[in-house]
N, C-alpha and C. Protein backbone atom coordinates (compact mmCIF):
# COMPACT_ATOMS: atom_id res chain seq x y z
N MET A 1 -13.81 -40.63 -41.64
CA MET A 1 -14.43 -40.11 -42.84
C MET A 1 -13.50 -40.28 -44.04
N ALA A 2 -12.18 -40.08 -43.81
CA ALA A 2 -11.24 -40.23 -44.91
C ALA A 2 -11.20 -41.68 -45.40
N THR A 3 -11.22 -42.62 -44.49
CA THR A 3 -11.21 -44.03 -44.86
C THR A 3 -12.49 -44.39 -45.61
N GLY A 4 -13.61 -43.90 -45.13
CA GLY A 4 -14.88 -44.15 -45.81
C GLY A 4 -14.90 -43.55 -47.20
N GLY A 5 -14.37 -42.33 -47.33
CA GLY A 5 -14.30 -41.70 -48.64
C GLY A 5 -13.41 -42.45 -49.60
N MET A 6 -12.27 -42.93 -49.10
CA MET A 6 -11.35 -43.68 -49.94
C MET A 6 -11.99 -44.99 -50.40
N LEU A 7 -12.66 -45.68 -49.48
CA LEU A 7 -13.32 -46.94 -49.85
C LEU A 7 -14.45 -46.70 -50.85
N ALA A 8 -15.20 -45.63 -50.66
CA ALA A 8 -16.29 -45.32 -51.59
C ALA A 8 -15.75 -44.96 -52.97
N PHE A 9 -14.68 -44.21 -53.01
CA PHE A 9 -14.07 -43.82 -54.30
C PHE A 9 -13.55 -45.04 -55.03
N ALA A 10 -12.85 -45.92 -54.31
CA ALA A 10 -12.29 -47.13 -54.93
C ALA A 10 -13.41 -48.05 -55.42
N SER A 11 -14.43 -48.28 -54.58
CA SER A 11 -15.50 -49.17 -55.02
C SER A 11 -16.32 -48.56 -56.14
N GLY A 12 -16.50 -47.24 -56.12
CA GLY A 12 -17.21 -46.59 -57.22
C GLY A 12 -16.46 -46.71 -58.54
N THR A 13 -15.14 -46.63 -58.48
CA THR A 13 -14.32 -46.77 -59.68
C THR A 13 -14.46 -48.17 -60.26
N VAL A 14 -14.34 -49.18 -59.41
CA VAL A 14 -14.46 -50.57 -59.87
C VAL A 14 -15.88 -50.84 -60.37
N PHE A 15 -16.89 -50.35 -59.64
CA PHE A 15 -18.28 -50.56 -60.05
C PHE A 15 -18.56 -49.92 -61.40
N PHE A 16 -18.07 -48.68 -61.60
CA PHE A 16 -18.31 -48.00 -62.87
C PHE A 16 -17.69 -48.78 -64.02
N ARG A 17 -16.48 -49.27 -63.82
CA ARG A 17 -15.81 -50.01 -64.89
C ARG A 17 -16.57 -51.28 -65.21
N GLY A 18 -17.10 -51.95 -64.19
CA GLY A 18 -17.78 -53.22 -64.41
C GLY A 18 -19.24 -53.08 -64.82
N GLN A 19 -19.97 -52.18 -64.17
CA GLN A 19 -21.42 -52.12 -64.36
C GLN A 19 -21.91 -50.87 -65.09
N GLY A 20 -21.22 -49.76 -64.92
CA GLY A 20 -21.72 -48.50 -65.45
C GLY A 20 -21.06 -48.04 -66.72
N ALA A 21 -20.30 -48.91 -67.36
CA ALA A 21 -19.54 -48.50 -68.55
C ALA A 21 -20.45 -48.06 -69.69
N GLY A 22 -21.68 -48.55 -69.73
CA GLY A 22 -22.59 -48.16 -70.80
C GLY A 22 -23.36 -46.89 -70.52
N LEU A 23 -23.32 -46.40 -69.29
CA LEU A 23 -24.06 -45.18 -68.95
C LEU A 23 -23.39 -43.95 -69.53
N PRO A 24 -24.18 -42.95 -69.89
CA PRO A 24 -23.57 -41.67 -70.27
C PRO A 24 -22.80 -41.09 -69.07
N ILE A 25 -21.69 -40.43 -69.35
CA ILE A 25 -20.80 -39.92 -68.28
C ILE A 25 -21.54 -38.99 -67.33
N LEU A 26 -22.29 -38.03 -67.86
CA LEU A 26 -22.97 -37.07 -66.97
C LEU A 26 -24.04 -37.74 -66.12
N GLN A 27 -24.70 -38.75 -66.67
CA GLN A 27 -25.70 -39.48 -65.88
C GLN A 27 -25.03 -40.26 -64.76
N ALA A 28 -23.94 -40.92 -65.04
CA ALA A 28 -23.20 -41.63 -64.00
C ALA A 28 -22.69 -40.66 -62.94
N ASN A 29 -22.19 -39.50 -63.37
CA ASN A 29 -21.70 -38.47 -62.45
C ASN A 29 -22.84 -37.97 -61.56
N PHE A 30 -24.01 -37.75 -62.14
CA PHE A 30 -25.17 -37.28 -61.38
C PHE A 30 -25.53 -38.27 -60.28
N TRP A 31 -25.67 -39.55 -60.64
CA TRP A 31 -26.08 -40.55 -59.65
C TRP A 31 -24.99 -40.77 -58.60
N GLN A 32 -23.74 -40.65 -59.00
CA GLN A 32 -22.65 -40.76 -58.03
C GLN A 32 -22.72 -39.61 -57.03
N SER A 33 -23.00 -38.41 -57.52
CA SER A 33 -23.11 -37.25 -56.62
C SER A 33 -24.30 -37.38 -55.68
N ILE A 34 -25.42 -37.87 -56.19
CA ILE A 34 -26.60 -38.07 -55.34
C ILE A 34 -26.30 -39.11 -54.26
N ALA A 35 -25.64 -40.21 -54.65
CA ALA A 35 -25.31 -41.25 -53.67
C ALA A 35 -24.36 -40.70 -52.61
N GLY A 36 -23.40 -39.89 -53.01
CA GLY A 36 -22.48 -39.29 -52.06
C GLY A 36 -23.20 -38.35 -51.10
N ALA A 37 -24.13 -37.55 -51.63
CA ALA A 37 -24.89 -36.63 -50.78
C ALA A 37 -25.74 -37.39 -49.77
N VAL A 38 -26.38 -38.47 -50.21
CA VAL A 38 -27.20 -39.27 -49.30
C VAL A 38 -26.33 -39.93 -48.23
N ALA A 39 -25.15 -40.43 -48.63
CA ALA A 39 -24.26 -41.08 -47.68
C ALA A 39 -23.73 -40.09 -46.64
N LEU A 40 -23.51 -38.84 -47.03
CA LEU A 40 -22.96 -37.84 -46.11
C LEU A 40 -24.03 -37.12 -45.29
N LEU A 41 -25.29 -37.26 -45.67
CA LEU A 41 -26.37 -36.56 -44.98
C LEU A 41 -26.41 -36.86 -43.47
N PRO A 42 -26.30 -38.12 -43.03
CA PRO A 42 -26.33 -38.34 -41.58
C PRO A 42 -25.19 -37.62 -40.84
N MET A 43 -23.99 -37.62 -41.42
CA MET A 43 -22.86 -36.91 -40.79
C MET A 43 -23.14 -35.41 -40.74
N ALA A 44 -23.71 -34.89 -41.81
CA ALA A 44 -24.01 -33.45 -41.85
C ALA A 44 -25.07 -33.10 -40.81
N MET A 45 -26.05 -33.98 -40.65
CA MET A 45 -27.11 -33.72 -39.68
C MET A 45 -26.57 -33.73 -38.24
N VAL A 46 -25.60 -34.60 -37.99
CA VAL A 46 -25.05 -34.72 -36.63
C VAL A 46 -24.01 -33.64 -36.35
N PHE A 47 -23.08 -33.44 -37.29
CA PHE A 47 -21.94 -32.56 -37.03
C PHE A 47 -22.03 -31.20 -37.71
N GLY A 48 -22.96 -31.01 -38.61
CA GLY A 48 -23.03 -29.77 -39.38
C GLY A 48 -23.57 -28.60 -38.56
N GLN A 49 -23.32 -27.43 -39.07
CA GLN A 49 -23.82 -26.21 -38.45
C GLN A 49 -24.61 -25.45 -39.50
N PRO A 50 -25.60 -24.68 -39.04
CA PRO A 50 -26.38 -23.90 -40.01
C PRO A 50 -25.48 -22.94 -40.79
N LEU A 51 -25.76 -22.80 -42.05
CA LEU A 51 -24.97 -21.93 -42.90
C LEU A 51 -25.45 -20.49 -42.74
N ALA A 52 -24.53 -19.61 -42.46
CA ALA A 52 -24.86 -18.19 -42.38
C ALA A 52 -25.12 -17.68 -43.80
N VAL A 53 -25.54 -16.45 -43.90
CA VAL A 53 -25.77 -15.87 -45.22
C VAL A 53 -24.44 -15.90 -45.98
N PRO A 54 -24.40 -16.64 -47.10
CA PRO A 54 -23.12 -16.78 -47.80
C PRO A 54 -22.70 -15.50 -48.50
N SER A 55 -21.41 -15.25 -48.48
CA SER A 55 -20.87 -14.09 -49.17
C SER A 55 -20.69 -14.42 -50.65
N THR A 56 -20.36 -13.42 -51.42
CA THR A 56 -20.11 -13.63 -52.85
C THR A 56 -18.93 -14.58 -53.05
N ALA A 57 -17.89 -14.42 -52.25
CA ALA A 57 -16.72 -15.30 -52.36
C ALA A 57 -17.09 -16.75 -52.04
N THR A 58 -17.97 -16.93 -51.05
CA THR A 58 -18.41 -18.27 -50.70
C THR A 58 -19.21 -18.89 -51.85
N MET A 59 -20.09 -18.12 -52.46
CA MET A 59 -20.89 -18.63 -53.58
C MET A 59 -20.01 -18.97 -54.78
N ILE A 60 -18.99 -18.16 -55.03
CA ILE A 60 -18.06 -18.45 -56.14
C ILE A 60 -17.30 -19.74 -55.83
N ALA A 61 -16.86 -19.90 -54.59
CA ALA A 61 -16.14 -21.12 -54.20
C ALA A 61 -17.02 -22.35 -54.33
N ILE A 62 -18.28 -22.25 -53.90
CA ILE A 62 -19.21 -23.38 -54.02
C ILE A 62 -19.48 -23.70 -55.49
N ALA A 63 -19.67 -22.67 -56.30
CA ALA A 63 -19.89 -22.89 -57.74
C ALA A 63 -18.68 -23.58 -58.37
N HIS A 64 -17.49 -23.17 -57.98
CA HIS A 64 -16.27 -23.82 -58.50
C HIS A 64 -16.21 -25.28 -58.08
N LEU A 65 -16.51 -25.55 -56.81
CA LEU A 65 -16.49 -26.93 -56.33
C LEU A 65 -17.51 -27.80 -57.05
N VAL A 66 -18.70 -27.25 -57.29
CA VAL A 66 -19.75 -28.01 -57.96
C VAL A 66 -19.41 -28.23 -59.43
N LEU A 67 -19.10 -27.14 -60.15
CA LEU A 67 -18.93 -27.24 -61.59
C LEU A 67 -17.59 -27.83 -62.01
N VAL A 68 -16.50 -27.31 -61.46
CA VAL A 68 -15.17 -27.73 -61.90
C VAL A 68 -14.75 -29.03 -61.24
N VAL A 69 -14.82 -29.07 -59.91
CA VAL A 69 -14.31 -30.23 -59.19
C VAL A 69 -15.25 -31.43 -59.32
N THR A 70 -16.51 -31.24 -58.95
CA THR A 70 -17.42 -32.39 -58.94
C THR A 70 -17.82 -32.82 -60.35
N ILE A 71 -18.41 -31.92 -61.11
CA ILE A 71 -18.89 -32.32 -62.43
C ILE A 71 -17.73 -32.49 -63.41
N GLY A 72 -16.85 -31.50 -63.49
CA GLY A 72 -15.74 -31.58 -64.44
C GLY A 72 -14.73 -32.65 -64.09
N GLY A 73 -14.24 -32.62 -62.86
CA GLY A 73 -13.21 -33.58 -62.44
C GLY A 73 -13.71 -35.02 -62.47
N MET A 74 -14.89 -35.25 -61.94
CA MET A 74 -15.40 -36.61 -61.92
C MET A 74 -15.77 -37.10 -63.32
N SER A 75 -16.24 -36.21 -64.17
CA SER A 75 -16.52 -36.62 -65.56
C SER A 75 -15.22 -37.01 -66.25
N LEU A 76 -14.18 -36.23 -66.04
CA LEU A 76 -12.87 -36.57 -66.61
C LEU A 76 -12.39 -37.91 -66.06
N TRP A 77 -12.57 -38.14 -64.77
CA TRP A 77 -12.18 -39.39 -64.14
C TRP A 77 -12.94 -40.57 -64.77
N LEU A 78 -14.25 -40.43 -64.97
CA LEU A 78 -15.05 -41.51 -65.54
C LEU A 78 -14.67 -41.77 -67.00
N VAL A 79 -14.35 -40.72 -67.74
CA VAL A 79 -13.87 -40.90 -69.12
C VAL A 79 -12.55 -41.65 -69.12
N LEU A 80 -11.65 -41.29 -68.22
CA LEU A 80 -10.36 -41.96 -68.14
C LEU A 80 -10.53 -43.44 -67.80
N ILE A 81 -11.46 -43.76 -66.89
CA ILE A 81 -11.74 -45.16 -66.57
C ILE A 81 -12.26 -45.88 -67.80
N ARG A 82 -13.16 -45.24 -68.51
CA ARG A 82 -13.75 -45.87 -69.70
C ARG A 82 -12.70 -46.12 -70.78
N ILE A 83 -11.78 -45.18 -70.95
CA ILE A 83 -10.79 -45.29 -72.02
C ILE A 83 -9.67 -46.26 -71.64
N SER A 84 -9.13 -46.13 -70.43
CA SER A 84 -7.92 -46.87 -70.10
C SER A 84 -8.11 -47.98 -69.07
N GLY A 85 -9.25 -48.04 -68.43
CA GLY A 85 -9.47 -49.06 -67.42
C GLY A 85 -9.26 -48.51 -66.02
N ALA A 86 -9.85 -49.17 -65.06
CA ALA A 86 -9.83 -48.69 -63.68
C ALA A 86 -8.42 -48.71 -63.08
N SER A 87 -7.65 -49.75 -63.35
CA SER A 87 -6.32 -49.82 -62.73
C SER A 87 -5.38 -48.78 -63.31
N THR A 88 -5.41 -48.55 -64.62
CA THR A 88 -4.55 -47.53 -65.22
C THR A 88 -4.98 -46.14 -64.77
N ALA A 89 -6.28 -45.88 -64.73
CA ALA A 89 -6.77 -44.58 -64.26
C ALA A 89 -6.34 -44.34 -62.82
N SER A 90 -6.41 -45.37 -61.99
CA SER A 90 -6.00 -45.22 -60.60
C SER A 90 -4.51 -44.93 -60.50
N SER A 91 -3.72 -45.51 -61.39
CA SER A 91 -2.28 -45.23 -61.39
C SER A 91 -2.03 -43.76 -61.70
N TYR A 92 -2.71 -43.23 -62.71
CA TYR A 92 -2.51 -41.83 -63.08
C TYR A 92 -3.04 -40.88 -62.00
N HIS A 93 -3.94 -41.36 -61.18
CA HIS A 93 -4.48 -40.57 -60.08
C HIS A 93 -3.37 -40.15 -59.11
N LEU A 94 -2.28 -40.88 -59.10
CA LEU A 94 -1.16 -40.56 -58.21
C LEU A 94 -0.47 -39.25 -58.60
N LEU A 95 -0.73 -38.73 -59.78
CA LEU A 95 -0.14 -37.45 -60.20
C LEU A 95 -0.87 -36.24 -59.63
N ASN A 96 -2.02 -36.45 -59.00
CA ASN A 96 -2.80 -35.34 -58.46
C ASN A 96 -2.00 -34.42 -57.53
N PRO A 97 -1.21 -34.95 -56.59
CA PRO A 97 -0.47 -34.03 -55.71
C PRO A 97 0.47 -33.10 -56.48
N PHE A 98 1.15 -33.61 -57.50
CA PHE A 98 2.05 -32.74 -58.25
C PHE A 98 1.27 -31.66 -58.98
N PHE A 99 0.13 -32.01 -59.57
CA PHE A 99 -0.66 -30.98 -60.25
C PHE A 99 -1.21 -29.96 -59.26
N GLY A 100 -1.50 -30.39 -58.04
CA GLY A 100 -1.90 -29.44 -56.99
C GLY A 100 -0.78 -28.46 -56.68
N VAL A 101 0.45 -28.96 -56.58
CA VAL A 101 1.61 -28.10 -56.34
C VAL A 101 1.81 -27.14 -57.52
N LEU A 102 1.65 -27.66 -58.73
CA LEU A 102 1.81 -26.83 -59.93
C LEU A 102 0.75 -25.73 -60.00
N LEU A 103 -0.49 -26.06 -59.67
CA LEU A 103 -1.55 -25.04 -59.65
C LEU A 103 -1.29 -24.00 -58.55
N ALA A 104 -0.78 -24.45 -57.40
CA ALA A 104 -0.45 -23.51 -56.33
C ALA A 104 0.64 -22.54 -56.79
N TYR A 105 1.57 -23.04 -57.59
CA TYR A 105 2.62 -22.17 -58.14
C TYR A 105 2.02 -21.17 -59.13
N LEU A 106 1.18 -21.67 -60.04
CA LEU A 106 0.63 -20.81 -61.09
C LEU A 106 -0.38 -19.79 -60.56
N ILE A 107 -1.22 -20.21 -59.62
CA ILE A 107 -2.30 -19.34 -59.17
C ILE A 107 -1.92 -18.53 -57.93
N LEU A 108 -1.24 -19.17 -56.98
CA LEU A 108 -0.96 -18.52 -55.70
C LEU A 108 0.47 -18.03 -55.56
N GLY A 109 1.33 -18.37 -56.53
CA GLY A 109 2.70 -17.93 -56.45
C GLY A 109 3.55 -18.71 -55.46
N GLU A 110 3.11 -19.90 -55.07
CA GLU A 110 3.90 -20.73 -54.16
C GLU A 110 5.18 -21.18 -54.85
N PRO A 111 6.27 -21.29 -54.12
CA PRO A 111 7.53 -21.71 -54.76
C PRO A 111 7.52 -23.20 -55.10
N LEU A 112 8.18 -23.53 -56.20
CA LEU A 112 8.40 -24.93 -56.56
C LEU A 112 9.76 -25.34 -56.03
N ARG A 113 9.81 -26.52 -55.40
CA ARG A 113 11.06 -27.00 -54.85
C ARG A 113 11.55 -28.20 -55.65
N MET A 114 12.83 -28.47 -55.54
CA MET A 114 13.41 -29.61 -56.23
C MET A 114 12.72 -30.91 -55.80
N ALA A 115 12.34 -31.00 -54.53
CA ALA A 115 11.67 -32.20 -54.02
C ALA A 115 10.35 -32.45 -54.75
N ASP A 116 9.65 -31.39 -55.17
CA ASP A 116 8.41 -31.55 -55.93
C ASP A 116 8.67 -32.26 -57.25
N PHE A 117 9.74 -31.84 -57.92
CA PHE A 117 10.06 -32.44 -59.21
C PHE A 117 10.61 -33.87 -59.05
N ILE A 118 11.36 -34.09 -57.99
CA ILE A 118 11.86 -35.44 -57.74
C ILE A 118 10.69 -36.39 -57.46
N GLY A 119 9.75 -35.94 -56.65
CA GLY A 119 8.56 -36.75 -56.37
C GLY A 119 7.76 -37.03 -57.62
N ALA A 120 7.55 -36.00 -58.45
CA ALA A 120 6.81 -36.21 -59.70
C ALA A 120 7.57 -37.16 -60.62
N GLY A 121 8.89 -37.03 -60.66
CA GLY A 121 9.69 -37.93 -61.49
C GLY A 121 9.57 -39.38 -61.04
N LEU A 122 9.58 -39.60 -59.73
CA LEU A 122 9.42 -40.96 -59.21
C LEU A 122 8.05 -41.53 -59.56
N ILE A 123 7.03 -40.69 -59.46
CA ILE A 123 5.68 -41.14 -59.80
C ILE A 123 5.60 -41.49 -61.29
N VAL A 124 6.15 -40.63 -62.14
CA VAL A 124 6.14 -40.90 -63.59
C VAL A 124 6.91 -42.17 -63.89
N PHE A 125 8.06 -42.37 -63.25
CA PHE A 125 8.85 -43.58 -63.45
C PHE A 125 8.01 -44.81 -63.07
N GLY A 126 7.33 -44.74 -61.94
CA GLY A 126 6.46 -45.85 -61.51
C GLY A 126 5.32 -46.08 -62.49
N LEU A 127 4.74 -44.99 -63.02
CA LEU A 127 3.67 -45.13 -64.01
C LEU A 127 4.17 -45.81 -65.28
N ILE A 128 5.36 -45.44 -65.72
CA ILE A 128 5.93 -46.07 -66.91
C ILE A 128 6.11 -47.56 -66.67
N LEU A 129 6.64 -47.91 -65.51
CA LEU A 129 6.85 -49.33 -65.20
C LEU A 129 5.53 -50.10 -65.17
N THR A 130 4.51 -49.53 -64.52
CA THR A 130 3.24 -50.26 -64.41
C THR A 130 2.50 -50.33 -65.74
N THR A 131 2.50 -49.25 -66.50
CA THR A 131 1.78 -49.29 -67.78
C THR A 131 2.48 -50.18 -68.79
N GLN A 132 3.81 -50.23 -68.77
CA GLN A 132 4.53 -51.14 -69.67
C GLN A 132 4.29 -52.59 -69.26
N ALA A 133 4.24 -52.85 -67.97
CA ALA A 133 3.99 -54.22 -67.50
C ALA A 133 2.60 -54.65 -67.93
N ARG A 134 1.62 -53.77 -67.82
CA ARG A 134 0.25 -54.10 -68.25
C ARG A 134 0.19 -54.31 -69.75
N ALA A 135 0.93 -53.51 -70.50
CA ALA A 135 0.92 -53.66 -71.97
C ALA A 135 1.53 -55.00 -72.36
N ARG A 136 2.58 -55.42 -71.67
CA ARG A 136 3.19 -56.72 -71.97
C ARG A 136 2.24 -57.87 -71.66
N VAL A 137 1.48 -57.75 -70.57
CA VAL A 137 0.52 -58.79 -70.20
C VAL A 137 -0.59 -58.87 -71.25
N ARG A 138 -1.05 -57.73 -71.73
CA ARG A 138 -2.11 -57.71 -72.75
C ARG A 138 -1.66 -58.30 -74.08
N GLN A 139 -0.38 -58.16 -74.41
CA GLN A 139 0.14 -58.67 -75.68
C GLN A 139 0.22 -60.19 -75.68
N ARG A 140 0.30 -60.81 -74.54
CA ARG A 140 0.43 -62.27 -74.46
C ARG A 140 -0.82 -62.96 -74.77
């Protein structure tokens, strides 16, 4: 499932940059979500279990996943692709783990370790190298 999700995310990114660049962001996000739901439906039918009566905490979590993660996060992702291109957006996507660690620190009180900052620094250094290389290629 992880490999399938990764392949779908990568191909959706490239497809949006090539074919969906003229679509409104929310419309592209809507159709992407529908396609994802249809693709996952067979797995849900085979491996899923009936949902018990959801608690308030469960409904809040689902609302957060729908509104913030799916609609908000994917809309931001599609805007980033539109502004900077699929390859640059994919490069910046590598910062997600550090922001996850940072949010865990801010919201859950998890400790920040030196290794977290070293990892983020290496990622930023790599981003600088790749974006400068792309800028030099574009100038030629």
